[in-house]
C-alpha cells in the first residue's frame, strides 16, 4: 500500500517539477532514535526548484502515505502512531 502511494507521489512530482531524477527511501523495521527513517533525493537544474520539490514531496508523503510507527517508550510500553495527518 505504501509503495503504491510513493509511486503516485513520484509521478505527480515529476509532472509538477522539472526534476532530472528522484528517489524515496522509507525505513521498515526497527529504527533507533537519530537514525534516518525517510530519505528523499531529487536532482534539478536549479537549487530553488530542488528545495520546492523536496518540500512538496515530504508533505505529500506525510499526508498521503499510510505509514504507521510503533513508538517504544522508556518504560517498555508502546504506542502506535499514524504517520497520516488527519
PDB file of N, CA and C in Angstrom:
ATOM      1  N   UNK A   1       0.815  -1.183   0.000  1.00  0.00           N
ATOM      2  CA  UNK A   1       0.000   0.000   0.000  1.00  0.00           C
ATOM      3  C   UNK A   1       0.872   1.265   0.000  1.00  0.00           C
ATOM      4  N   UNK A   2       1.866   1.314   0.860  1.00  0.00           N
ATOM      5  CA  UNK A   2       2.736   2.488   0.923  1.00  0.00           C
ATOM      6  C   UNK A   2       3.514   2.653  -0.379  1.00  0.00           C
ATOM      7  N   UNK A   3       3.990   1.560  -0.945  1.00  0.00           N
ATOM      8  CA  UNK A   3       4.761   1.641  -2.194  1.00  0.00           C
ATOM      9  C   UNK A   3       3.913   2.212  -3.327  1.00  0.00           C
ATOM     10  N   UNK A   4       2.634   1.859  -3.370  1.00  0.00           N
ATOM     11  CA  UNK A   4       1.745   2.421  -4.390  1.00  0.00           C
ATOM     12  C   UNK A   4       1.581   3.924  -4.198  1.00  0.00           C
ATOM     13  N   UNK A   5       1.448   4.358  -2.953  1.00  0.00           N
ATOM     14  CA  UNK A   5       1.322   5.785  -2.656  1.00  0.00           C
ATOM     15  C   UNK A   5       2.606   6.520  -3.025  1.00  0.00           C
ATOM     16  N   UNK A   6       3.772   5.914  -2.744  1.00  0.00           N
ATOM     17  CA  UNK A   6       5.036   6.525  -3.135  1.00  0.00           C
ATOM     18  C   UNK A   6       5.111   6.704  -4.647  1.00  0.00           C
ATOM     19  N   UNK A   7       4.657   5.719  -5.389  1.00  0.00           N
ATOM     20  CA  UNK A   7       4.705   5.783  -6.849  1.00  0.00           C
ATOM     21  C   UNK A   7       3.814   6.911  -7.380  1.00  0.00           C
ATOM     22  N   UNK A   8       2.639   7.076  -6.802  1.00  0.00           N
ATOM     23  CA  UNK A   8       1.739   8.161  -7.216  1.00  0.00           C
ATOM     24  C   UNK A   8       2.379   9.515  -6.915  1.00  0.00           C
ATOM     25  N   UNK A   9       2.957   9.652  -5.734  1.00  0.00           N
ATOM     26  CA  UNK A   9       3.637  10.897  -5.369  1.00  0.00           C
ATOM     27  C   UNK A   9       4.789  11.156  -6.334  1.00  0.00           C
ATOM     28  N   UNK A  10       5.525  10.116  -6.650  1.00  0.00           N
ATOM     29  CA  UNK A  10       6.654  10.249  -7.585  1.00  0.00           C
ATOM     30  C   UNK A  10       6.178  10.748  -8.949  1.00  0.00           C
ATOM     31  N   UNK A  11       5.129  10.141  -9.488  1.00  0.00           N
ATOM     32  CA  UNK A  11       4.598  10.559 -10.790  1.00  0.00           C
ATOM     33  C   UNK A  11       4.119  12.007 -10.745  1.00  0.00           C
ATOM     34  N   UNK A  12       3.410  12.370  -9.673  1.00  0.00           N
ATOM     35  CA  UNK A  12       2.907  13.741  -9.536  1.00  0.00           C
ATOM     36  C   UNK A  12       4.047  14.748  -9.399  1.00  0.00           C
ATOM     37  N   UNK A  13       5.094  14.372  -8.688  1.00  0.00           N
ATOM     38  CA  UNK A  13       6.239  15.274  -8.510  1.00  0.00           C
ATOM     39  C   UNK A  13       6.942  15.525  -9.843  1.00  0.00           C
ATOM     40  N   UNK A  14       7.117  14.476 -10.650  1.00  0.00           N
ATOM     41  CA  UNK A  14       7.746  14.663 -11.957  1.00  0.00           C
ATOM     42  C   UNK A  14       6.881  15.530 -12.863  1.00  0.00           C
ATOM     43  N   UNK A  15       5.562  15.420 -12.738  1.00  0.00           N
ATOM     44  CA  UNK A  15       4.664  16.247 -13.542  1.00  0.00           C
ATOM     45  C   UNK A  15       4.691  17.713 -13.090  1.00  0.00           C
ATOM     46  N   UNK A  16       4.891  17.929 -11.802  1.00  0.00           N
ATOM     47  CA  UNK A  16       4.808  19.274 -11.223  1.00  0.00           C
ATOM     48  C   UNK A  16       6.145  20.024 -11.278  1.00  0.00           C
ATOM     49  N   UNK A  17       7.263  19.318 -11.150  1.00  0.00           N
ATOM     50  CA  UNK A  17       8.582  19.948 -11.064  1.00  0.00           C
ATOM     51  C   UNK A  17       9.498  19.437 -12.163  1.00  0.00           C
ATOM     52  N   UNK A  18      10.415  20.267 -12.589  1.00  0.00           N
ATOM     53  CA  UNK A  18      11.355  19.912 -13.643  1.00  0.00           C
ATOM     54  C   UNK A  18      12.554  19.198 -13.010  1.00  0.00           C
ATOM     55  N   UNK A  19      12.357  17.937 -12.651  1.00  0.00           N
ATOM     56  CA  UNK A  19      13.390  17.154 -11.986  1.00  0.00           C
ATOM     57  C   UNK A  19      14.111  16.257 -12.983  1.00  0.00           C
ATOM     58  N   UNK A  20      15.385  16.042 -12.723  1.00  0.00           N
ATOM     59  CA  UNK A  20      16.175  15.107 -13.521  1.00  0.00           C
ATOM     60  C   UNK A  20      15.983  13.680 -12.995  1.00  0.00           C
ATOM     61  N   UNK A  21      15.999  13.536 -11.676  1.00  0.00           N
ATOM     62  CA  UNK A  21      15.779  12.232 -11.065  1.00  0.00           C
ATOM     63  C   UNK A  21      15.264  12.419  -9.644  1.00  0.00           C
ATOM     64  N   UNK A  22      14.777  11.318  -9.067  1.00  0.00           N
ATOM     65  CA  UNK A  22      14.196  11.370  -7.733  1.00  0.00           C
ATOM     66  C   UNK A  22      14.237   9.975  -7.124  1.00  0.00           C
ATOM     67  N   UNK A  23      14.409   9.932  -5.799  1.00  0.00           N
ATOM     68  CA  UNK A  23      14.390   8.657  -5.085  1.00  0.00           C
ATOM     69  C   UNK A  23      13.765   8.875  -3.716  1.00  0.00           C
ATOM     70  N   UNK A  24      12.887   7.957  -3.314  1.00  0.00           N
ATOM     71  CA  UNK A  24      12.296   7.968  -1.977  1.00  0.00           C
ATOM     72  C   UNK A  24      12.679   6.666  -1.294  1.00  0.00           C
ATOM     73  N   UNK A  25      13.232   6.781  -0.098  1.00  0.00           N
ATOM     74  CA  UNK A  25      13.533   5.599   0.706  1.00  0.00           C
ATOM     75  C   UNK A  25      12.896   5.793   2.070  1.00  0.00           C
ATOM     76  N   UNK A  26      12.108   4.803   2.486  1.00  0.00           N
ATOM     77  CA  UNK A  26      11.496   4.841   3.809  1.00  0.00           C
ATOM     78  C   UNK A  26      11.891   3.578   4.552  1.00  0.00           C
ATOM     79  N   UNK A  27      12.450   3.762   5.743  1.00  0.00           N
ATOM     80  CA  UNK A  27      12.899   2.619   6.535  1.00  0.00           C
ATOM     81  C   UNK A  27      11.728   1.757   6.979  1.00  0.00           C
ATOM     82  N   UNK A  28      11.964   0.464   7.017  1.00  0.00           N
ATOM     83  CA  UNK A  28      10.982  -0.502   7.514  1.00  0.00           C
ATOM     84  C   UNK A  28      11.689  -1.313   8.593  1.00  0.00           C
ATOM     85  N   UNK A  29      10.994  -1.545   9.672  1.00  0.00           N
ATOM     86  CA  UNK A  29      11.599  -2.307  10.755  1.00  0.00           C
ATOM     87  C   UNK A  29      12.023  -1.396  11.890  1.00  0.00           C
ATOM     88  N   UNK A  30      12.926  -1.874  12.717  1.00  0.00           N
ATOM     89  CA  UNK A  30      13.363  -1.138  13.896  1.00  0.00           C
ATOM     90  C   UNK A  30      14.271   0.026  13.491  1.00  0.00           C
ATOM     91  N   UNK A  31      13.852   1.242  13.819  1.00  0.00           N
ATOM     92  CA  UNK A  31      14.642   2.445  13.546  1.00  0.00           C
ATOM     93  C   UNK A  31      14.893   3.118  14.885  1.00  0.00           C
ATOM     94  N   UNK A  32      16.156   3.202  15.239  1.00  0.00           N
ATOM     95  CA  UNK A  32      16.510   3.796  16.525  1.00  0.00           C
ATOM     96  C   UNK A  32      16.461   5.319  16.443  1.00  0.00           C
ATOM     97  N   UNK A  33      16.324   5.955  17.601  1.00  0.00           N
ATOM     98  CA  UNK A  33      16.308   7.410  17.674  1.00  0.00           C
ATOM     99  C   UNK A  33      17.582   7.945  17.040  1.00  0.00           C
ATOM    100  N   UNK A  34      17.406   8.907  16.151  1.00  0.00           N
ATOM    101  CA  UNK A  34      18.551   9.508  15.469  1.00  0.00           C
ATOM    102  C   UNK A  34      18.895   8.869  14.137  1.00  0.00           C
ATOM    103  N   UNK A  35      18.339   7.692  13.852  1.00  0.00           N
ATOM    104  CA  UNK A  35      18.582   7.048  12.557  1.00  0.00           C
ATOM    105  C   UNK A  35      17.631   7.625  11.508  1.00  0.00           C
ATOM    106  N   UNK A  36      18.015   7.486  10.263  1.00  0.00           N
ATOM    107  CA  UNK A  36      17.211   8.016   9.163  1.00  0.00           C
ATOM    108  C   UNK A  36      16.018   7.092   8.909  1.00  0.00           C
ATOM    109  N   UNK A  37      14.828   7.689   8.907  1.00  0.00           N
ATOM    110  CA  UNK A  37      13.626   6.913   8.609  1.00  0.00           C
ATOM    111  C   UNK A  37      13.056   7.269   7.237  1.00  0.00           C
ATOM    112  N   UNK A  38      13.366   8.461   6.739  1.00  0.00           N
ATOM    113  CA  UNK A  38      12.908   8.887   5.418  1.00  0.00           C
ATOM    114  C   UNK A  38      14.042   9.613   4.720  1.00  0.00           C
ATOM    115  N   UNK A  39      14.311   9.201   3.482  1.00  0.00           N
ATOM    116  CA  UNK A  39      15.342   9.822   2.669  1.00  0.00           C
ATOM    117  C   UNK A  39      14.717  10.139   1.322  1.00  0.00           C
ATOM    118  N   UNK A  40      14.716  11.405   0.948  1.00  0.00           N
ATOM    119  CA  UNK A  40      14.189  11.826  -0.352  1.00  0.00           C
ATOM    120  C   UNK A  40      15.309  12.535  -1.088  1.00  0.00           C
ATOM    121  N   UNK A  41      15.574  12.096  -2.294  1.00  0.00           N
ATOM    122  CA  UNK A  41      16.619  12.667  -3.131  1.00  0.00           C
ATOM    123  C   UNK A  41      15.985  13.186  -4.403  1.00  0.00           C
ATOM    124  N   UNK A  42      16.279  14.420  -4.772  1.00  0.00           N
ATOM    125  CA  UNK A  42      15.854  14.952  -6.062  1.00  0.00           C
ATOM    126  C   UNK A  42      17.038  15.657  -6.705  1.00  0.00           C
ATOM    127  N   UNK A  43      17.025  15.688  -8.005  1.00  0.00           N
ATOM    128  CA  UNK A  43      18.038  16.406  -8.761  1.00  0.00           C
ATOM    129  C   UNK A  43      17.327  17.291  -9.781  1.00  0.00           C
ATOM    130  N   UNK A  44      17.588  18.579  -9.687  1.00  0.00           N
ATOM    131  CA  UNK A  44      17.012  19.561 -10.605  1.00  0.00           C
ATOM    132  C   UNK A  44      18.143  20.434 -11.144  1.00  0.00           C
ATOM    133  N   UNK A  45      17.867  21.126 -12.222  1.00  0.00           N
ATOM    134  CA  UNK A  45      18.878  22.016 -12.790  1.00  0.00           C
ATOM    135  C   UNK A  45      19.128  23.224 -11.892  1.00  0.00           C
ATOM    136  N   UNK A  46      18.132  23.599 -11.105  1.00  0.00           N
ATOM    137  CA  UNK A  46      18.255  24.779 -10.257  1.00  0.00           C
ATOM    138  C   UNK A  46      17.955  24.414  -8.800  1.00  0.00           C
ATOM    139  N   UNK A  47      18.776  24.922  -7.901  1.00  0.00           N
ATOM    140  CA  UNK A  47      18.688  24.622  -6.475  1.00  0.00           C
ATOM    141  C   UNK A  47      17.307  24.968  -5.901  1.00  0.00           C
ATOM    142  N   UNK A  48      16.776  26.133  -6.231  1.00  0.00           N
ATOM    143  CA  UNK A  48      15.484  26.555  -5.677  1.00  0.00           C
ATOM    144  C   UNK A  48      14.376  25.564  -6.045  1.00  0.00           C
ATOM    145  N   UNK A  49      14.422  25.064  -7.257  1.00  0.00           N
ATOM    146  CA  UNK A  49      13.425  24.088  -7.705  1.00  0.00           C
ATOM    147  C   UNK A  49      13.560  22.793  -6.907  1.00  0.00           C
ATOM    148  N   UNK A  50      14.783  22.398  -6.581  1.00  0.00           N
ATOM    149  CA  UNK A  50      15.009  21.199  -5.764  1.00  0.00           C
ATOM    150  C   UNK A  50      14.374  21.347  -4.389  1.00  0.00           C
ATOM    151  N   UNK A  51      14.568  22.509  -3.763  1.00  0.00           N
ATOM    152  CA  UNK A  51      14.003  22.738  -2.434  1.00  0.00           C
ATOM    153  C   UNK A  51      12.479  22.701  -2.458  1.00  0.00           C
ATOM    154  N   UNK A  52      11.886  23.330  -3.479  1.00  0.00           N
ATOM    155  CA  UNK A  52      10.421  23.320  -3.605  1.00  0.00           C
ATOM    156  C   UNK A  52       9.906  21.899  -3.806  1.00  0.00           C
ATOM    157  N   UNK A  53      10.572  21.150  -4.664  1.00  0.00           N
ATOM    158  CA  UNK A  53      10.157  19.779  -4.931  1.00  0.00           C
ATOM    159  C   UNK A  53      10.272  18.914  -3.677  1.00  0.00           C
ATOM    160  N   UNK A  54      11.381  19.035  -2.962  1.00  0.00           N
ATOM    161  CA  UNK A  54      11.575  18.257  -1.737  1.00  0.00           C
ATOM    162  C   UNK A  54      10.488  18.551  -0.712  1.00  0.00           C
ATOM    163  N   UNK A  55      10.201  19.832  -0.512  1.00  0.00           N
ATOM    164  CA  UNK A  55       9.164  20.187   0.460  1.00  0.00           C
ATOM    165  C   UNK A  55       7.810  19.609   0.051  1.00  0.00           C
ATOM    166  N   UNK A  56       7.477  19.728  -1.228  1.00  0.00           N
ATOM    167  CA  UNK A  56       6.193  19.209  -1.711  1.00  0.00           C
ATOM    168  C   UNK A  56       6.122  17.686  -1.527  1.00  0.00           C
ATOM    169  N   UNK A  57       7.191  16.988  -1.858  1.00  0.00           N
ATOM    170  CA  UNK A  57       7.220  15.526  -1.764  1.00  0.00           C
ATOM    171  C   UNK A  57       7.073  15.073  -0.316  1.00  0.00           C
ATOM    172  N   UNK A  58       7.834  15.669   0.592  1.00  0.00           N
ATOM    173  CA  UNK A  58       7.766  15.258   2.002  1.00  0.00           C
ATOM    174  C   UNK A  58       6.382  15.540   2.580  1.00  0.00           C
ATOM    175  N   UNK A  59       5.803  16.684   2.261  1.00  0.00           N
ATOM    176  CA  UNK A  59       4.452  16.986   2.759  1.00  0.00           C
ATOM    177  C   UNK A  59       3.426  16.019   2.168  1.00  0.00           C
ATOM    178  N   UNK A  60       3.589  15.647   0.903  1.00  0.00           N
ATOM    179  CA  UNK A  60       2.685  14.675   0.283  1.00  0.00           C
ATOM    180  C   UNK A  60       2.813  13.310   0.957  1.00  0.00           C
ATOM    181  N   UNK A  61       4.027  12.913   1.294  1.00  0.00           N
ATOM    182  CA  UNK A  61       4.242  11.633   1.985  1.00  0.00           C
ATOM    183  C   UNK A  61       3.543  11.664   3.341  1.00  0.00           C
ATOM    184  N   UNK A  62       3.745  12.739   4.104  1.00  0.00           N
ATOM    185  CA  UNK A  62       3.126  12.853   5.425  1.00  0.00           C
ATOM    186  C   UNK A  62       1.602  12.809   5.337  1.00  0.00           C
ATOM    187  N   UNK A  63       1.055  13.369   4.272  1.00  0.00           N
ATOM    188  CA  UNK A  63      -0.407  13.460   4.128  1.00  0.00           C
ATOM    189  C   UNK A  63      -1.024  12.201   3.524  1.00  0.00           C
ATOM    190  N   UNK A  64      -0.348  11.569   2.571  1.00  0.00           N
ATOM    191  CA  UNK A  64      -0.991  10.547   1.742  1.00  0.00           C
ATOM    192  C   UNK A  64      -0.538   9.107   1.965  1.00  0.00           C
ATOM    193  N   UNK A  65       0.647   8.904   2.507  1.00  0.00           N
ATOM    194  CA  UNK A  65       1.166   7.539   2.609  1.00  0.00           C
ATOM    195  C   UNK A  65       0.745   6.917   3.946  1.00  0.00           C
ATOM    196  N   UNK A  66       0.140   5.722   3.888  1.00  0.00           N
ATOM    197  CA  UNK A  66      -0.303   5.061   5.124  1.00  0.00           C
ATOM    198  C   UNK A  66       0.871   4.429   5.870  1.00  0.00           C
ATOM    199  N   UNK A  67       1.587   5.267   6.611  1.00  0.00           N
ATOM    200  CA  UNK A  67       2.741   4.805   7.382  1.00  0.00           C
ATOM    201  C   UNK A  67       2.357   4.805   8.856  1.00  0.00           C
ATOM    202  N   UNK A  68       2.603   3.666   9.515  1.00  0.00           N
ATOM    203  CA  UNK A  68       2.347   3.556  10.949  1.00  0.00           C
ATOM    204  C   UNK A  68       3.670   3.295  11.640  1.00  0.00           C
ATOM    205  N   UNK A  69       3.795   3.821  12.831  1.00  0.00           N
ATOM    206  CA  UNK A  69       5.007   3.514  13.574  1.00  0.00           C
ATOM    207  C   UNK A  69       4.641   3.125  15.007  1.00  0.00           C
ATOM    208  N   UNK A  70       5.448   2.242  15.532  1.00  0.00           N
ATOM    209  CA  UNK A  70       5.288   1.782  16.907  1.00  0.00           C
ATOM    210  C   UNK A  70       6.393   2.416  17.731  1.00  0.00           C
ATOM    211  N   UNK A  71       6.013   3.364  18.585  1.00  0.00           N
ATOM    212  CA  UNK A  71       6.993   4.011  19.442  1.00  0.00           C
ATOM    213  C   UNK A  71       7.121   3.205  20.727  1.00  0.00           C
ATOM    214  N   UNK A  72       8.335   2.787  21.017  1.00  0.00           N
ATOM    215  CA  UNK A  72       8.598   2.037  22.245  1.00  0.00           C
ATOM    216  C   UNK A  72       9.104   3.026  23.289  1.00  0.00           C
ATOM    217  N   UNK A  73       8.379   3.129  24.389  1.00  0.00           N
ATOM    218  CA  UNK A  73       8.669   4.107  25.422  1.00  0.00           C
ATOM    219  C   UNK A  73       9.697   3.585  26.410  1.00  0.00           C
ATOM    220  N   UNK A  74      10.280   4.490  27.194  1.00  0.00           N
ATOM    221  CA  UNK A  74      11.320   4.132  28.164  1.00  0.00           C
ATOM    222  C   UNK A  74      10.869   3.078  29.170  1.00  0.00           C
ATOM    223  N   UNK A  75       9.580   3.077  29.495  1.00  0.00           N
ATOM    224  CA  UNK A  75       9.080   2.117  30.487  1.00  0.00           C
ATOM    225  C   UNK A  75       8.760   0.751  29.882  1.00  0.00           C
ATOM    226  N   UNK A  76       9.058   0.574  28.580  1.00  0.00           N
ATOM    227  CA  UNK A  76       8.828  -0.710  27.929  1.00  0.00           C
ATOM    228  C   UNK A  76       7.476  -0.816  27.234  1.00  0.00           C
ATOM    229  N   UNK A  77       6.561   0.099  27.518  1.00  0.00           N
ATOM    230  CA  UNK A  77       5.267   0.083  26.833  1.00  0.00           C
ATOM    231  C   UNK A  77       5.446   0.655  25.426  1.00  0.00           C
ATOM    232  N   UNK A  78       4.391   0.584  24.633  1.00  0.00           N
ATOM    233  CA  UNK A  78       4.478   1.115  23.275  1.00  0.00           C
ATOM    234  C   UNK A  78       3.177   1.820  22.890  1.00  0.00           C
ATOM    235  N   UNK A  79       3.287   2.658  21.868  1.00  0.00           N
ATOM    236  CA  UNK A  79       2.154   3.402  21.339  1.00  0.00           C
ATOM    237  C   UNK A  79       2.231   3.325  19.820  1.00  0.00           C
ATOM    238  N   UNK A  80       1.103   3.004  19.160  1.00  0.00           N
ATOM    239  CA  UNK A  80       1.052   3.020  17.709  1.00  0.00           C
ATOM    240  C   UNK A  80       0.674   4.438  17.269  1.00  0.00           C
ATOM    241  N   UNK A  81       1.437   4.970  16.329  1.00  0.00           N
ATOM    242  CA  UNK A  81       1.225   6.336  15.847  1.00  0.00           C
ATOM    243  C   UNK A  81       1.019   6.303  14.342  1.00  0.00           C
ATOM    244  N   UNK A  82      -0.018   6.941  13.867  1.00  0.00           N
ATOM    245  CA  UNK A  82      -0.256   7.042  12.437  1.00  0.00           C
ATOM    246  C   UNK A  82       0.574   8.177  11.871  1.00  0.00           C
ATOM    247  N   UNK A  83       1.276   7.924  10.771  1.00  0.00           N
ATOM    248  CA  UNK A  83       2.030   8.976  10.112  1.00  0.00           C
ATOM    249  C   UNK A  83       1.139   9.854   9.261  1.00  0.00           C
ATOM    250  N   UNK A  84      -0.100   9.446   9.081  1.00  0.00           N
ATOM    251  CA  UNK A  84      -1.033  10.165   8.253  1.00  0.00           C
ATOM    252  C   UNK A  84      -1.643  11.317   9.031  1.00  0.00           C
ATOM    253  N   UNK A  85      -1.691  12.478   8.439  1.00  0.00           N
ATOM    254  CA  UNK A  85      -2.292  13.637   9.090  1.00  0.00           C
ATOM    255  C   UNK A  85      -3.787  13.587   8.869  1.00  0.00           C
ATOM    256  N   UNK A  86      -4.536  13.653   9.924  1.00  0.00           N
ATOM    257  CA  UNK A  86      -5.997  13.568   9.832  1.00  0.00           C
ATOM    258  C   UNK A  86      -6.606  14.942   9.835  1.00  0.00           C
TER     259      UNK A  86
END
